[in-house]
Amino acid sequence: MARVCQVTGKVPVSGHRVSHSNIKSKRRFLPNLQTKRFFFAEEDKWITLKLSTEGIRTINKNGLNSVVKELRAKGVKI
């Protein structure tokens, strides 16, 4: 699976690794992804999502039901 948050859509970005002598080489900044299980009460089942920590905060704030509804409207299979 790709390193993409299913809720926020965060992806790895590129930048420079800078040495002490200021030599720059390419590197990737990876999002802080967590695999998290939630109990989806409307369908009486567990769902597993790959989320960034910002995505977990979004679910805590808005609720799992509204986030799943938005994901399904986008076409994400859950």
C-alpha atoms as a PDB file:
ATOM      1  CA  MET A   1       0.000   0.000   0.000  1.00  0.00           C
ATOM      2  CA  ALA A   2       1.102   3.541  -0.684  1.00  0.00           C
ATOM      3  CA  ARG A   3       2.150   5.888   2.092  1.00  0.00           C
ATOM      4  CA  VAL A   4      -0.981   8.023   1.853  1.00  0.00           C
ATOM      5  CA  CYS A   5      -3.403   9.049   4.598  1.00  0.00           C
ATOM      6  CA  GLN A   6      -6.908   7.875   3.680  1.00  0.00           C
ATOM      7  CA  VAL A   7      -8.613  10.861   5.342  1.00  0.00           C
ATOM      8  CA  THR A   8      -6.370  13.871   4.709  1.00  0.00           C
ATOM      9  CA  GLY A   9      -4.536  12.624   1.612  1.00  0.00           C
ATOM     10  CA  LYS A  10      -1.091  13.446   2.998  1.00  0.00           C
ATOM     11  CA  VAL A  11       1.741  11.993   0.892  1.00  0.00           C
ATOM     12  CA  PRO A  12       5.544  11.980   1.175  1.00  0.00           C
ATOM     13  CA  VAL A  13       7.241  15.203   0.065  1.00  0.00           C
ATOM     14  CA  SER A  14      10.808  15.668  -1.096  1.00  0.00           C
ATOM     15  CA  GLY A  15      13.469  17.971   0.235  1.00  0.00           C
ATOM     16  CA  HIS A  16      17.173  18.148   0.953  1.00  0.00           C
ATOM     17  CA  ARG A  17      19.354  16.427   3.491  1.00  0.00           C
ATOM     18  CA  VAL A  18      21.891  19.119   4.410  1.00  0.00           C
ATOM     19  CA  SER A  19      25.291  18.124   5.748  1.00  0.00           C
ATOM     20  CA  HIS A  20      27.457  20.144   8.118  1.00  0.00           C
ATOM     21  CA  SER A  21      29.406  21.419   5.102  1.00  0.00           C
ATOM     22  CA  ASN A  22      26.083  22.490   3.472  1.00  0.00           C
ATOM     23  CA  ILE A  23      26.125  19.781   0.780  1.00  0.00           C
ATOM     24  CA  LYS A  24      22.550  19.016  -0.254  1.00  0.00           C
ATOM     25  CA  SER A  25      21.264  15.596  -1.308  1.00  0.00           C
ATOM     26  CA  LYS A  26      17.716  14.448  -1.921  1.00  0.00           C
ATOM     27  CA  ARG A  27      15.565  12.901   0.811  1.00  0.00           C
ATOM     28  CA  ARG A  28      11.895  12.168   1.503  1.00  0.00           C
ATOM     29  CA  PHE A  29       9.799  13.474   4.368  1.00  0.00           C
ATOM     30  CA  LEU A  30       7.274  10.738   5.199  1.00  0.00           C
ATOM     31  CA  PRO A  31       3.904  11.446   6.838  1.00  0.00           C
ATOM     32  CA  ASN A  32       3.332  10.062  10.336  1.00  0.00           C
ATOM     33  CA  LEU A  33       1.022   7.183   9.367  1.00  0.00           C
ATOM     34  CA  GLN A  34      -0.673   4.856  11.819  1.00  0.00           C
ATOM     35  CA  THR A  35      -2.812   1.793  11.088  1.00  0.00           C
ATOM     36  CA  LYS A  36      -5.878   2.167  13.298  1.00  0.00           C
ATOM     37  CA  ARG A  37      -9.016   0.078  13.830  1.00  0.00           C
ATOM     38  CA  PHE A  38     -12.343   1.717  14.602  1.00  0.00           C
ATOM     39  CA  PHE A  39     -15.648   0.108  15.477  1.00  0.00           C
ATOM     40  CA  PHE A  40     -18.246   1.390  13.012  1.00  0.00           C
ATOM     41  CA  ALA A  41     -21.498   1.125  14.996  1.00  0.00           C
ATOM     42  CA  GLU A  42     -23.833   1.904  12.058  1.00  0.00           C
ATOM     43  CA  GLU A  43     -22.758  -1.284  10.252  1.00  0.00           C
ATOM     44  CA  ASP A  44     -21.748  -3.197  13.406  1.00  0.00           C
ATOM     45  CA  LYS A  45     -18.229  -3.987  12.158  1.00  0.00           C
ATOM     46  CA  TRP A  46     -14.586  -3.022  12.605  1.00  0.00           C
ATOM     47  CA  ILE A  47     -12.851  -0.965   9.909  1.00  0.00           C
ATOM     48  CA  THR A  48      -9.106  -0.502   9.507  1.00  0.00           C
ATOM     49  CA  LEU A  49      -7.784   2.802   8.203  1.00  0.00           C
ATOM     50  CA  LYS A  50      -4.282   4.030   7.412  1.00  0.00           C
ATOM     51  CA  LEU A  51      -4.243   7.512   8.920  1.00  0.00           C
ATOM     52  CA  SER A  52      -1.903  10.349   9.685  1.00  0.00           C
ATOM     53  CA  THR A  53      -2.131  11.708  13.203  1.00  0.00           C
ATOM     54  CA  GLU A  54      -4.033  14.680  11.780  1.00  0.00           C
ATOM     55  CA  GLY A  55      -6.546  12.216  10.311  1.00  0.00           C
ATOM     56  CA  ILE A  56      -7.023  10.613  13.739  1.00  0.00           C
ATOM     57  CA  ARG A  57      -7.696  14.076  15.206  1.00  0.00           C
ATOM     58  CA  THR A  58     -10.222  14.733  12.421  1.00  0.00           C
ATOM     59  CA  ILE A  59     -12.113  11.540  13.291  1.00  0.00           C
ATOM     60  CA  ASN A  60     -12.073  12.483  16.986  1.00  0.00           C
ATOM     61  CA  LYS A  61     -13.450  15.939  16.165  1.00  0.00           C
ATOM     62  CA  ASN A  62     -16.056  15.175  13.464  1.00  0.00           C
ATOM     63  CA  GLY A  63     -16.962  11.593  14.317  1.00  0.00           C
ATOM     64  CA  LEU A  64     -16.345   8.360  12.449  1.00  0.00           C
ATOM     65  CA  ASN A  65     -19.744   8.332  10.740  1.00  0.00           C
ATOM     66  CA  SER A  66     -19.282  11.687   8.968  1.00  0.00           C
ATOM     67  CA  VAL A  67     -15.693  10.886   7.929  1.00  0.00           C
ATOM     68  CA  VAL A  68     -16.712   7.492   6.466  1.00  0.00           C
ATOM     69  CA  LYS A  69     -19.587   9.169   4.616  1.00  0.00           C
ATOM     70  CA  GLU A  70     -17.152  11.681   3.044  1.00  0.00           C
ATOM     71  CA  LEU A  71     -14.706   8.906   2.099  1.00  0.00           C
ATOM     72  CA  ARG A  72     -17.423   6.865   0.419  1.00  0.00           C
ATOM     73  CA  ALA A  73     -18.580   9.968  -1.484  1.00  0.00           C
ATOM     74  CA  LYS A  74     -15.003  10.258  -2.827  1.00  0.00           C
ATOM     75  CA  GLY A  75     -15.121   6.601  -3.922  1.00  0.00           C
ATOM     76  CA  VAL A  76     -12.809   5.080  -1.302  1.00  0.00           C
ATOM     77  CA  LYS A  77     -13.737   1.470  -0.532  1.00  0.00           C
ATOM     78  CA  ILE A  78     -14.134   0.813   3.178  1.00  0.00           C
END
